[in-house]
N, C-alpha and C. Protein backbone atom coordinates (compact mmCIF):
# COMPACT_ATOMS: atom_id res chain seq x y z
N MET A 1 13.07 6.30 11.38
CA MET A 1 12.34 5.87 12.26
C MET A 1 11.77 7.33 13.48
N VAL A 2 10.55 7.22 13.92
CA VAL A 2 10.27 8.22 14.59
C VAL A 2 9.42 7.46 16.01
N ASP A 3 9.92 8.24 17.31
CA ASP A 3 9.37 7.54 18.38
C ASP A 3 7.72 8.10 19.02
N ASP A 4 7.55 7.69 19.86
CA ASP A 4 6.17 7.93 20.28
C ASP A 4 6.10 9.28 20.94
N SER A 5 7.18 10.08 20.96
CA SER A 5 6.96 11.43 21.62
C SER A 5 6.00 12.17 21.08
N PRO A 6 5.34 13.42 22.08
CA PRO A 6 4.32 14.28 21.30
C PRO A 6 4.62 14.82 20.09
N ASN A 7 5.87 15.31 19.85
CA ASN A 7 6.32 15.49 18.45
C ASN A 7 6.92 14.74 17.46
N GLY A 8 7.51 13.62 18.14
CA GLY A 8 8.18 12.57 17.25
C GLY A 8 9.55 12.99 16.64
N LEU A 9 9.82 13.99 16.78
CA LEU A 9 11.11 14.65 16.25
C LEU A 9 12.66 14.47 17.01
N ASP A 10 12.34 13.72 18.32
CA ASP A 10 13.51 13.26 18.72
C ASP A 10 14.32 12.42 18.37
N THR A 11 13.68 11.35 17.59
CA THR A 11 14.57 10.36 17.27
C THR A 11 14.10 10.35 15.59
N LEU A 12 13.86 11.22 14.89
CA LEU A 12 13.91 11.39 13.63
C LEU A 12 15.13 11.30 12.68
N ALA A 13 15.47 10.14 11.80
CA ALA A 13 16.63 9.60 11.32
C ALA A 13 16.18 9.69 10.04
N ILE A 14 17.13 9.79 9.11
CA ILE A 14 16.90 10.11 7.43
C ILE A 14 18.12 9.14 7.03
N ASP A 15 17.55 8.23 6.46
CA ASP A 15 18.58 6.84 5.79
C ASP A 15 19.17 7.74 4.51
N THR A 16 20.50 8.43 4.82
CA THR A 16 21.06 8.88 3.59
C THR A 16 21.67 8.17 2.66
N ALA A 17 21.58 6.76 3.02
CA ALA A 17 22.44 5.80 2.27
C ALA A 17 21.29 5.22 1.24
N ASN A 18 19.94 5.56 1.40
CA ASN A 18 18.84 4.97 0.89
C ASN A 18 18.02 5.88 0.12
N LEU A 19 18.93 6.82 -0.50
CA LEU A 19 17.92 8.05 -0.97
C LEU A 19 17.50 7.82 -2.68
N PHE A 20 16.41 8.15 -2.97
CA PHE A 20 16.11 8.01 -4.35
C PHE A 20 15.28 9.44 -4.90
N ARG A 21 15.42 9.59 -6.44
CA ARG A 21 14.71 10.83 -6.89
C ARG A 21 13.77 10.15 -7.49
N GLU A 22 12.84 10.78 -7.38
CA GLU A 22 11.24 10.42 -8.12
C GLU A 22 10.65 10.70 -9.40
N GLU A 23 10.82 10.32 -10.28
CA GLU A 23 10.29 10.75 -11.66
C GLU A 23 8.77 9.93 -12.10
N SER A 24 7.72 10.74 -12.30
CA SER A 24 6.58 10.58 -12.79
C SER A 24 6.35 10.23 -14.05
N ILE A 25 5.81 9.19 -14.97
CA ILE A 25 5.43 9.11 -16.18
C ILE A 25 4.37 8.65 -16.55
N THR A 26 3.69 9.33 -17.15
CA THR A 26 2.22 8.81 -17.50
C THR A 26 1.78 9.19 -19.05
N ASP A 27 0.51 8.18 -19.08
CA ASP A 27 -0.01 8.32 -20.54
C ASP A 27 -1.46 9.49 -20.50
N THR A 28 -1.40 10.19 -19.50
CA THR A 28 -2.02 11.34 -19.33
C THR A 28 -3.60 10.87 -19.13
N GLN A 29 -4.10 9.34 -19.06
CA GLN A 29 -5.29 8.85 -18.86
C GLN A 29 -5.40 7.93 -17.87
N SER A 30 -4.96 6.91 -17.71
CA SER A 30 -5.03 5.88 -16.68
C SER A 30 -3.88 5.44 -15.91
N ALA A 31 -2.65 5.37 -16.71
CA ALA A 31 -1.49 4.93 -16.24
C ALA A 31 -0.30 5.65 -15.46
N ASN A 32 0.04 5.73 -14.34
CA ASN A 32 1.17 6.60 -14.28
C ASN A 32 2.33 5.27 -13.68
N ILE A 33 3.38 5.87 -13.58
CA ILE A 33 4.58 4.95 -13.03
C ILE A 33 5.46 6.05 -12.52
N LYS A 34 5.76 5.54 -11.36
CA LYS A 34 6.63 6.34 -10.46
C LYS A 34 8.18 5.34 -10.73
N GLN A 35 9.03 6.11 -11.29
CA GLN A 35 10.77 5.52 -11.40
C GLN A 35 11.23 6.37 -10.33
N LEU A 36 11.44 5.30 -9.41
CA LEU A 36 12.63 5.98 -8.17
C LEU A 36 13.72 5.73 -8.82
N ILE A 37 14.73 6.48 -9.14
CA ILE A 37 16.01 6.54 -9.29
C ILE A 37 17.12 6.44 -8.19
N PRO A 38 18.13 5.31 -7.69
CA PRO A 38 18.87 5.54 -6.78
C PRO A 38 19.97 6.76 -6.55
N VAL A 39 20.20 7.51 -5.58
CA VAL A 39 21.00 8.85 -5.93
C VAL A 39 22.06 8.55 -4.59
N ASN A 40 22.89 9.61 -4.88
CA ASN A 40 24.16 9.42 -3.78
C ASN A 40 23.64 10.91 -2.87
N LEU A 41 24.14 11.21 -1.86
CA LEU A 41 23.55 12.07 -0.98
C LEU A 41 24.01 13.57 -1.92
N ASP A 42 25.10 13.41 -2.88
CA ASP A 42 25.40 14.99 -3.36
C ASP A 42 24.24 14.92 -4.63
N GLY A 43 23.27 14.19 -4.79
CA GLY A 43 22.29 14.18 -5.84
C GLY A 43 22.41 13.43 -7.05
N THR A 44 24.01 12.90 -7.34
CA THR A 44 24.07 12.20 -8.70
C THR A 44 23.80 10.64 -8.51
N GLU A 45 23.40 10.06 -9.65
CA GLU A 45 22.69 8.62 -9.62
C GLU A 45 23.51 7.65 -8.97
N ASP A 46 23.29 6.93 -8.21
CA ASP A 46 24.04 5.89 -7.77
C ASP A 46 23.85 4.49 -8.59
N LYS A 47 24.65 4.27 -9.23
CA LYS A 47 24.44 3.10 -10.45
C LYS A 47 24.68 1.71 -9.83
N SER A 48 24.97 1.60 -8.53
CA SER A 48 25.62 0.41 -8.03
C SER A 48 23.95 -0.12 -7.26
N ARG A 49 22.90 0.49 -7.51
CA ARG A 49 21.70 0.35 -6.79
C ARG A 49 20.83 0.21 -8.17
N GLU A 50 19.48 -0.53 -8.20
CA GLU A 50 18.55 -0.71 -9.15
C GLU A 50 17.69 0.46 -9.13
N ARG A 51 16.86 0.52 -10.15
CA ARG A 51 16.22 1.61 -10.11
C ARG A 51 14.73 0.79 -9.73
N GLN A 52 13.77 1.54 -9.00
CA GLN A 52 12.34 0.72 -8.51
C GLN A 52 11.09 1.76 -9.13
N PHE A 53 10.12 0.56 -9.69
CA PHE A 53 9.04 1.27 -10.39
C PHE A 53 7.90 0.87 -9.46
N ILE A 54 6.99 2.03 -9.23
CA ILE A 54 5.38 1.83 -8.63
C ILE A 54 4.82 2.18 -9.44
N GLY A 55 3.46 1.51 -9.99
CA GLY A 55 2.27 1.71 -10.82
C GLY A 55 1.17 2.64 -9.61
N ASP A 56 0.88 3.46 -10.40
CA ASP A 56 -0.35 4.49 -9.91
C ASP A 56 -1.36 4.53 -10.72
N THR A 57 -2.37 4.11 -9.96
CA THR A 57 -3.37 4.47 -10.87
C THR A 57 -5.02 5.16 -9.95
N THR A 58 -6.07 5.35 -10.61
CA THR A 58 -7.15 5.91 -9.51
C THR A 58 -8.39 4.92 -10.00
N LEU A 59 -8.84 3.94 -9.38
CA LEU A 59 -10.11 3.15 -9.71
C LEU A 59 -11.59 4.03 -9.56
N MET A 60 -12.29 4.08 -10.61
CA MET A 60 -13.39 4.79 -10.21
C MET A 60 -14.75 3.75 -9.66
N THR A 61 -15.33 3.88 -8.51
CA THR A 61 -16.35 2.75 -7.74
C THR A 61 -17.34 3.74 -7.69
N GLN A 62 -18.29 3.09 -6.98
CA GLN A 62 -20.00 3.56 -6.94
C GLN A 62 -19.55 4.61 -5.73
N MET A 63 -18.53 4.12 -4.62
CA MET A 63 -18.13 4.78 -3.62
C MET A 63 -17.05 6.22 -3.99
N GLY A 64 -17.03 6.29 -5.15
CA GLY A 64 -15.79 7.15 -5.50
C GLY A 64 -14.59 6.80 -6.07
N PRO A 65 -13.71 7.62 -6.23
CA PRO A 65 -12.18 7.51 -6.85
C PRO A 65 -11.58 6.58 -5.55
N ILE A 66 -10.58 5.38 -5.62
CA ILE A 66 -9.97 4.93 -4.95
C ILE A 66 -8.53 5.20 -5.45
N PRO A 67 -7.65 5.58 -5.06
CA PRO A 67 -6.22 5.61 -5.65
C PRO A 67 -5.62 4.27 -5.14
N VAL A 68 -4.68 3.64 -6.19
CA VAL A 68 -4.20 2.55 -6.14
C VAL A 68 -2.86 2.33 -6.51
N GLN A 69 -1.67 2.02 -5.73
CA GLN A 69 -0.42 1.40 -5.88
C GLN A 69 -0.04 0.40 -5.80
N PHE A 70 1.03 0.34 -6.48
CA PHE A 70 1.52 -1.28 -6.35
C PHE A 70 3.07 -1.37 -7.04
N PRO A 71 3.81 -2.54 -6.48
CA PRO A 71 5.05 -2.14 -7.23
C PRO A 71 4.96 -3.13 -8.27
N LEU A 72 5.89 -2.45 -9.05
CA LEU A 72 6.41 -3.42 -10.65
C LEU A 72 7.65 -3.68 -10.45
N PRO A 73 8.02 -5.13 -10.52
CA PRO A 73 8.97 -5.61 -10.59
C PRO A 73 10.20 -5.71 -11.80
N ALA A 74 10.14 -4.28 -12.32
CA ALA A 74 10.71 -4.34 -13.58
C ALA A 74 12.02 -3.88 -13.65
N THR A 75 12.63 -4.15 -14.75
CA THR A 75 14.29 -3.56 -14.70
C THR A 75 14.39 -2.24 -15.41
N ASN A 76 13.21 -1.71 -16.34
CA ASN A 76 13.24 -0.62 -17.01
C ASN A 76 12.03 -0.21 -17.63
N LEU A 77 11.57 0.84 -17.63
CA LEU A 77 10.32 1.74 -18.13
C LEU A 77 9.67 0.94 -18.96
N GLN A 78 9.79 0.33 -20.33
CA GLN A 78 9.20 -0.26 -20.95
C GLN A 78 8.70 -1.69 -20.21
N GLU A 79 9.33 -2.66 -19.58
CA GLU A 79 8.83 -3.67 -18.70
C GLU A 79 8.09 -3.32 -17.83
N ALA A 80 7.97 -1.82 -17.25
CA ALA A 80 7.24 -1.26 -16.30
C ALA A 80 5.72 -1.24 -17.09
N PHE A 81 5.95 -0.73 -18.06
CA PHE A 81 4.29 -0.36 -18.73
C PHE A 81 3.44 -1.70 -19.13
N THR A 82 4.91 -2.48 -19.49
CA THR A 82 3.82 -4.03 -19.78
C THR A 82 3.38 -4.60 -18.62
N MET A 83 3.97 -4.44 -17.35
CA MET A 83 3.63 -5.25 -16.27
C MET A 83 2.44 -4.36 -15.64
N PHE A 84 2.31 -3.04 -16.28
CA PHE A 84 1.17 -2.32 -15.35
C PHE A 84 -0.19 -3.01 -15.50
N PRO A 85 -0.92 -3.61 -16.64
CA PRO A 85 -2.40 -4.23 -16.62
C PRO A 85 -2.44 -5.17 -15.46
N GLU A 86 -1.39 -6.06 -15.55
CA GLU A 86 -0.95 -7.19 -14.33
C GLU A 86 -1.08 -6.76 -12.98
N GLY A 87 -0.44 -5.62 -12.92
CA GLY A 87 -0.24 -4.96 -11.53
C GLY A 87 -1.39 -4.31 -10.89
N VAL A 88 -1.97 -3.80 -11.64
CA VAL A 88 -3.58 -3.05 -11.52
C VAL A 88 -4.22 -4.49 -10.93
N GLN A 89 -4.44 -5.74 -11.73
CA GLN A 89 -5.38 -6.73 -11.58
C GLN A 89 -4.95 -7.26 -10.34
N GLY A 90 -3.52 -7.55 -9.88
CA GLY A 90 -3.34 -7.93 -8.84
C GLY A 90 -3.41 -7.10 -7.51
N ALA A 91 -3.36 -5.55 -7.83
CA ALA A 91 -3.72 -4.70 -6.55
C ALA A 91 -5.46 -4.75 -6.19
N ILE A 92 -6.20 -4.59 -7.22
CA ILE A 92 -7.62 -4.60 -7.19
C ILE A 92 -7.94 -6.59 -6.09
N GLU A 93 -7.03 -7.33 -6.40
CA GLU A 93 -7.44 -8.67 -5.98
C GLU A 93 -7.35 -8.33 -4.48
N LYS A 94 -6.01 -7.78 -4.01
CA LYS A 94 -5.53 -7.41 -2.58
C LYS A 94 -6.62 -6.64 -2.15
N LEU A 95 -7.38 -5.41 -2.87
CA LEU A 95 -8.24 -4.66 -2.21
C LEU A 95 -9.45 -5.60 -1.82
N GLN A 96 -9.76 -6.36 -2.86
CA GLN A 96 -11.19 -7.08 -2.53
C GLN A 96 -11.14 -8.42 -1.39
N GLU A 97 -9.59 -8.75 -1.26
CA GLU A 97 -9.46 -9.63 -0.18
C GLU A 97 -9.38 -9.07 1.27
N ARG A 98 -8.84 -7.83 1.12
CA ARG A 98 -9.15 -7.00 2.28
C ARG A 98 -10.21 -6.17 2.77
N ALA A 99 -10.87 -6.11 2.06
CA ALA A 99 -12.45 -5.68 2.24
C ALA A 99 -13.14 -6.80 2.47
N GLN A 100 -12.81 -7.86 2.09
CA GLN A 100 -13.76 -9.25 2.76
C GLN A 100 -13.33 -9.52 3.99
N GLN A 101 -12.19 -9.30 4.59
CA GLN A 101 -11.40 -9.57 5.68
C GLN A 101 -12.14 -8.39 6.87
N MET A 102 -12.18 -7.46 6.27
CA MET A 102 -12.48 -6.37 7.14
C MET A 102 -14.07 -6.62 7.36
N ALA A 103 -15.13 -6.99 6.29
CA ALA A 103 -16.47 -7.31 6.57
C ALA A 103 -16.67 -8.36 7.64
N LYS A 104 -15.41 -9.53 7.35
CA LYS A 104 -16.02 -10.76 8.38
C LYS A 104 -15.63 -10.16 9.73
N GLU A 105 -14.41 -9.21 10.08
CA GLU A 105 -13.98 -8.75 11.36
C GLU A 105 -15.26 -7.81 11.92
N GLU A 106 -15.44 -6.81 10.97
CA GLU A 106 -17.18 -6.36 11.47
C GLU A 106 -18.10 -7.20 11.85
N ALA A 107 -18.18 -8.09 11.21
CA ALA A 107 -19.26 -9.06 11.49
C ALA A 107 -19.47 -9.54 12.71
N SER A 108 -18.21 -9.94 12.86
CA SER A 108 -18.12 -10.67 14.25
C SER A 108 -18.08 -9.34 15.37
N ARG A 109 -18.62 -8.49 15.17
CA ARG A 109 -18.39 -7.61 16.30
C ARG A 109 -19.97 -6.98 16.58
N ILE A 110 -20.55 -7.56 15.66
CA ILE A 110 -22.20 -7.53 16.07
C ILE A 110 -22.75 -8.05 17.03
N VAL A 111 -23.44 -7.44 17.67
CA VAL A 111 -23.71 -7.97 18.98
C VAL A 111 -25.43 -7.88 18.70
N VAL A 112 -25.92 -9.19 18.74
CA VAL A 112 -27.58 -9.31 18.54
C VAL A 112 -28.32 -9.25 19.97
N PRO A 113 -29.24 -8.46 20.20
CA PRO A 113 -30.15 -8.20 21.08
C PRO A 113 -30.44 -9.45 21.79
N GLY A 114 -30.34 -9.52 23.14
CA GLY A 114 -30.77 -10.60 23.76
C GLY A 114 -29.78 -11.70 23.83
N GLN A 115 -28.54 -11.66 23.23
CA GLN A 115 -27.69 -12.57 23.23
C GLN A 115 -26.36 -11.52 24.15
N GLU A 116 -25.61 -12.43 24.80
CA GLU A 116 -24.28 -11.93 25.20
C GLU A 116 -23.27 -12.18 24.35
N PRO A 117 -22.18 -11.34 24.55
CA PRO A 117 -21.14 -11.46 23.73
C PRO A 117 -20.17 -12.61 23.87
N ASN A 118 -19.84 -13.16 22.44
CA ASN A 118 -19.03 -14.34 22.90
C ASN A 118 -17.80 -13.99 23.78
N ARG A 119 -17.58 -15.08 24.95
CA ARG A 119 -16.74 -14.92 25.54
C ARG A 119 -15.41 -15.87 25.90
N GLY A 120 -14.40 -15.96 25.46
CA GLY A 120 -13.82 -17.40 25.27
C GLY A 120 -13.69 -18.27 24.72
N GLY A 121 -14.70 -17.84 23.57
CA GLY A 121 -14.96 -19.21 22.88
C GLY A 121 -16.18 -20.42 23.19
N LEU A 122 -16.51 -19.90 24.35
CA LEU A 122 -17.87 -20.67 25.33
C LEU A 122 -19.04 -20.97 24.48
N GLY A 123 -19.31 -20.77 22.99
CA GLY A 123 -20.37 -20.97 22.97
C GLY A 123 -21.61 -19.51 23.04
N GLY A 124 -21.08 -18.89 23.20
CA GLY A 124 -21.56 -17.59 23.18
C GLY A 124 -22.37 -17.24 24.58
N ARG A 125 -22.14 -17.76 25.80
CA ARG A 125 -23.34 -17.53 27.02
C ARG A 125 -22.07 -17.58 28.09
N GLY A 126 -20.86 -18.26 27.69
CA GLY A 126 -19.91 -18.27 28.96
C GLY A 126 -20.40 -19.21 29.66
N LEU A 127 -19.81 -19.29 31.30
CA LEU A 127 -19.99 -20.36 32.31
C LEU A 127 -21.14 -20.01 32.83
N ASN A 128 -22.65 -20.09 32.81
CA ASN A 128 -23.73 -19.68 33.68
C ASN A 128 -24.05 -20.72 34.48
């Protein structure tokens, strides 16, 4: 964890009990899976911990490419690739929900000329 000091390095701590080696496996077209293999401090595989899988792809949109990452609750690489399409769909749904939430937040900030901003939920004009 890094504190709020200017350089943040005063309290930089590395969790050496939670190290992983990352391997990337791809179909060279659209699917990329990062396989996180738990390792000990000496670099040997730590078989007491589970591997983790992260799906990674790029969605092409009207606004350009959007990188998307999502966890895959798989126990092996074959399961991870089987889960990949569903993981992409779930990530897209989360992105859409977040975009809608951001749009609502932005719309609530719009100030219409001739109206005072809503203060304290008092119907838009306060206590005049």
